[in-house]
N, C-alpha and C. Protein backbone atom coordinates (compact mmCIF):
# COMPACT_ATOMS: atom_id res chain seq x y z
N UNK A 1 0.84 -1.18 0.00
CA UNK A 1 0.00 0.00 0.00
C UNK A 1 0.89 1.24 0.00
N UNK A 2 0.69 2.16 -0.95
CA UNK A 2 1.54 3.35 -1.00
C UNK A 2 1.25 4.28 0.19
N UNK A 3 2.29 4.94 0.66
CA UNK A 3 2.11 5.87 1.76
C UNK A 3 1.63 7.22 1.24
N UNK A 4 0.85 7.91 2.05
CA UNK A 4 0.36 9.23 1.69
C UNK A 4 1.50 10.23 1.87
N UNK A 5 1.58 11.21 0.97
CA UNK A 5 2.63 12.22 1.13
C UNK A 5 2.31 13.14 2.31
N UNK A 6 3.30 13.87 2.75
CA UNK A 6 3.09 14.95 3.70
C UNK A 6 2.79 16.21 2.92
N UNK A 7 2.19 17.19 3.58
CA UNK A 7 1.72 18.39 2.89
C UNK A 7 2.20 19.66 3.57
N UNK A 8 2.57 20.65 2.77
CA UNK A 8 2.83 21.99 3.25
C UNK A 8 1.51 22.75 3.19
N UNK A 9 1.29 23.69 4.11
CA UNK A 9 0.10 24.53 4.07
C UNK A 9 0.52 25.99 4.08
N UNK A 10 -0.30 26.83 3.51
CA UNK A 10 -0.06 28.26 3.51
C UNK A 10 -1.21 28.93 4.25
N UNK A 11 -0.87 29.51 5.40
CA UNK A 11 -1.86 30.21 6.22
C UNK A 11 -1.37 31.62 6.50
N UNK A 12 -2.20 32.60 6.20
CA UNK A 12 -1.87 34.00 6.46
C UNK A 12 -0.52 34.39 5.86
N UNK A 13 -0.23 33.87 4.68
CA UNK A 13 1.01 34.20 3.98
C UNK A 13 2.25 33.48 4.46
N UNK A 14 2.09 32.56 5.41
CA UNK A 14 3.24 31.80 5.90
C UNK A 14 3.08 30.32 5.56
N UNK A 15 4.16 29.73 5.08
CA UNK A 15 4.17 28.30 4.73
C UNK A 15 4.71 27.52 5.92
N UNK A 16 4.02 26.43 6.26
CA UNK A 16 4.51 25.55 7.32
C UNK A 16 4.32 24.10 6.90
N UNK A 17 4.98 23.23 7.61
CA UNK A 17 4.90 21.81 7.29
C UNK A 17 6.27 21.26 6.95
N UNK A 18 6.29 20.08 6.42
CA UNK A 18 5.17 19.26 5.96
C UNK A 18 4.50 18.51 7.10
N UNK A 19 3.19 18.27 6.90
CA UNK A 19 2.36 17.59 7.89
C UNK A 19 1.70 16.36 7.26
N UNK A 20 1.44 15.33 8.07
CA UNK A 20 0.70 14.17 7.55
C UNK A 20 -0.77 14.54 7.33
N UNK A 21 -1.43 13.79 6.48
CA UNK A 21 -2.82 14.07 6.13
C UNK A 21 -3.73 14.05 7.36
N UNK A 22 -3.45 13.22 8.34
CA UNK A 22 -4.28 13.16 9.54
C UNK A 22 -4.27 14.50 10.27
N UNK A 23 -3.12 15.16 10.29
CA UNK A 23 -3.01 16.46 10.93
C UNK A 23 -3.82 17.51 10.16
N UNK A 24 -3.76 17.46 8.82
CA UNK A 24 -4.55 18.40 8.03
C UNK A 24 -6.04 18.20 8.27
N UNK A 25 -6.47 16.97 8.36
CA UNK A 25 -7.89 16.69 8.61
C UNK A 25 -8.31 17.21 9.99
N UNK A 26 -7.41 17.12 10.97
CA UNK A 26 -7.70 17.67 12.30
C UNK A 26 -7.81 19.19 12.23
N UNK A 27 -6.90 19.84 11.49
CA UNK A 27 -6.96 21.29 11.33
C UNK A 27 -8.26 21.71 10.66
N UNK A 28 -8.69 20.93 9.68
CA UNK A 28 -9.92 21.24 8.96
C UNK A 28 -11.13 21.09 9.89
N UNK A 29 -11.15 20.04 10.69
CA UNK A 29 -12.29 19.84 11.59
C UNK A 29 -12.34 20.90 12.68
N UNK A 30 -11.20 21.50 13.04
CA UNK A 30 -11.14 22.58 14.03
C UNK A 30 -11.46 23.93 13.41
N UNK A 31 -11.53 23.99 12.07
CA UNK A 31 -11.81 25.25 11.40
C UNK A 31 -10.58 26.09 11.14
N UNK A 32 -9.39 25.55 11.39
CA UNK A 32 -8.15 26.28 11.15
C UNK A 32 -7.88 26.43 9.66
N UNK A 33 -8.17 25.38 8.90
CA UNK A 33 -8.07 25.43 7.45
C UNK A 33 -9.42 25.07 6.86
N UNK A 34 -9.64 25.45 5.60
CA UNK A 34 -10.89 25.10 4.93
C UNK A 34 -10.59 24.64 3.51
N UNK A 35 -11.63 24.45 2.73
CA UNK A 35 -11.45 23.92 1.37
C UNK A 35 -10.68 24.85 0.45
N UNK A 36 -10.54 26.12 0.82
CA UNK A 36 -9.80 27.08 0.00
C UNK A 36 -8.34 27.25 0.43
N UNK A 37 -7.94 26.59 1.50
CA UNK A 37 -6.56 26.72 1.99
C UNK A 37 -5.59 26.09 1.01
N UNK A 38 -4.55 26.85 0.58
CA UNK A 38 -3.54 26.27 -0.32
C UNK A 38 -2.71 25.21 0.40
N UNK A 39 -2.55 24.08 -0.24
CA UNK A 39 -1.68 23.01 0.27
C UNK A 39 -0.83 22.50 -0.89
N UNK A 40 0.31 21.94 -0.52
CA UNK A 40 1.21 21.39 -1.54
C UNK A 40 1.76 20.06 -1.05
N UNK A 41 1.48 18.99 -1.78
CA UNK A 41 2.08 17.71 -1.40
C UNK A 41 3.61 17.81 -1.50
N UNK A 42 4.29 17.24 -0.55
CA UNK A 42 5.75 17.29 -0.52
C UNK A 42 6.31 16.75 -1.84
N UNK A 43 7.15 17.53 -2.49
CA UNK A 43 7.75 17.14 -3.75
C UNK A 43 6.94 17.47 -4.98
N UNK A 44 5.71 17.99 -4.80
CA UNK A 44 4.86 18.33 -5.94
C UNK A 44 5.29 19.67 -6.55
N UNK A 45 5.02 19.87 -7.84
CA UNK A 45 5.44 21.10 -8.50
C UNK A 45 4.49 22.28 -8.30
N UNK A 46 3.27 22.04 -7.76
CA UNK A 46 2.30 23.13 -7.69
C UNK A 46 1.43 23.01 -6.44
N UNK A 47 0.88 24.14 -6.03
CA UNK A 47 -0.06 24.21 -4.92
C UNK A 47 -1.47 23.98 -5.43
N UNK A 48 -2.30 23.38 -4.59
CA UNK A 48 -3.72 23.19 -4.88
C UNK A 48 -4.48 23.55 -3.61
N UNK A 49 -5.80 23.57 -3.68
CA UNK A 49 -6.56 23.82 -2.47
C UNK A 49 -6.83 22.52 -1.73
N UNK A 50 -7.05 22.66 -0.43
CA UNK A 50 -7.39 21.49 0.38
C UNK A 50 -8.61 20.78 -0.20
N UNK A 51 -9.60 21.55 -0.58
CA UNK A 51 -10.83 20.98 -1.13
C UNK A 51 -10.61 20.21 -2.42
N UNK A 52 -9.66 20.65 -3.24
CA UNK A 52 -9.40 19.97 -4.50
C UNK A 52 -8.86 18.55 -4.26
N UNK A 53 -8.16 18.35 -3.17
CA UNK A 53 -7.60 17.02 -2.90
C UNK A 53 -8.46 16.17 -1.98
N UNK A 54 -9.16 16.80 -1.04
CA UNK A 54 -9.80 16.01 0.00
C UNK A 54 -11.31 16.10 0.07
N UNK A 55 -11.95 16.93 -0.73
CA UNK A 55 -13.41 16.96 -0.71
C UNK A 55 -13.95 15.80 -1.53
N UNK A 56 -15.00 15.20 -1.03
CA UNK A 56 -15.63 14.09 -1.73
C UNK A 56 -16.59 14.65 -2.78
N UNK A 57 -16.37 14.33 -4.04
CA UNK A 57 -17.29 14.83 -5.05
C UNK A 57 -18.68 14.23 -4.87
N UNK A 58 -19.66 15.01 -5.20
CA UNK A 58 -21.05 14.55 -5.12
C UNK A 58 -21.42 13.91 -6.44
N UNK A 59 -21.89 12.69 -6.36
CA UNK A 59 -22.31 12.00 -7.58
C UNK A 59 -23.80 12.21 -7.77
N UNK A 60 -24.19 12.49 -8.99
CA UNK A 60 -25.60 12.67 -9.30
C UNK A 60 -26.06 11.43 -10.03
N UNK A 61 -27.06 10.79 -9.47
CA UNK A 61 -27.59 9.59 -10.10
C UNK A 61 -28.62 9.97 -11.15
N UNK A 62 -28.63 9.24 -12.22
CA UNK A 62 -29.65 9.46 -13.24
C UNK A 62 -30.65 8.32 -13.16
N UNK A 63 -31.89 8.64 -13.41
CA UNK A 63 -32.96 7.65 -13.35
C UNK A 63 -33.57 7.56 -14.73
N UNK A 64 -33.61 6.35 -15.27
CA UNK A 64 -34.12 6.18 -16.64
C UNK A 64 -35.64 6.26 -16.73
N UNK A 65 -36.32 5.94 -15.66
CA UNK A 65 -37.77 6.06 -15.68
C UNK A 65 -38.21 6.77 -14.42
N UNK A 66 -39.34 7.43 -14.49
CA UNK A 66 -39.83 8.21 -13.37
C UNK A 66 -40.30 7.29 -12.24
N UNK A 67 -39.68 7.45 -11.08
CA UNK A 67 -40.07 6.68 -9.91
C UNK A 67 -40.07 7.62 -8.72
N UNK A 68 -40.91 7.31 -7.75
CA UNK A 68 -40.90 8.09 -6.53
C UNK A 68 -39.81 7.57 -5.61
N UNK A 69 -39.26 8.49 -4.85
CA UNK A 69 -38.22 8.10 -3.89
C UNK A 69 -38.83 7.61 -2.61
């Protein structure tokens, strides 16, 4: 099983880290970071938002015939 990378975060113009994903999730649950917080996986060439990597996309189901839920 591949290991998850560590991540740098940018808060208030300061970069800190790298931190393991569990720490980032704790920061997010405390409200310290949100889906717009810039993060960079260690060794990656570019920054992305926390939400771009860790938000679960919503899947929309299609129904071929009309049915009640």
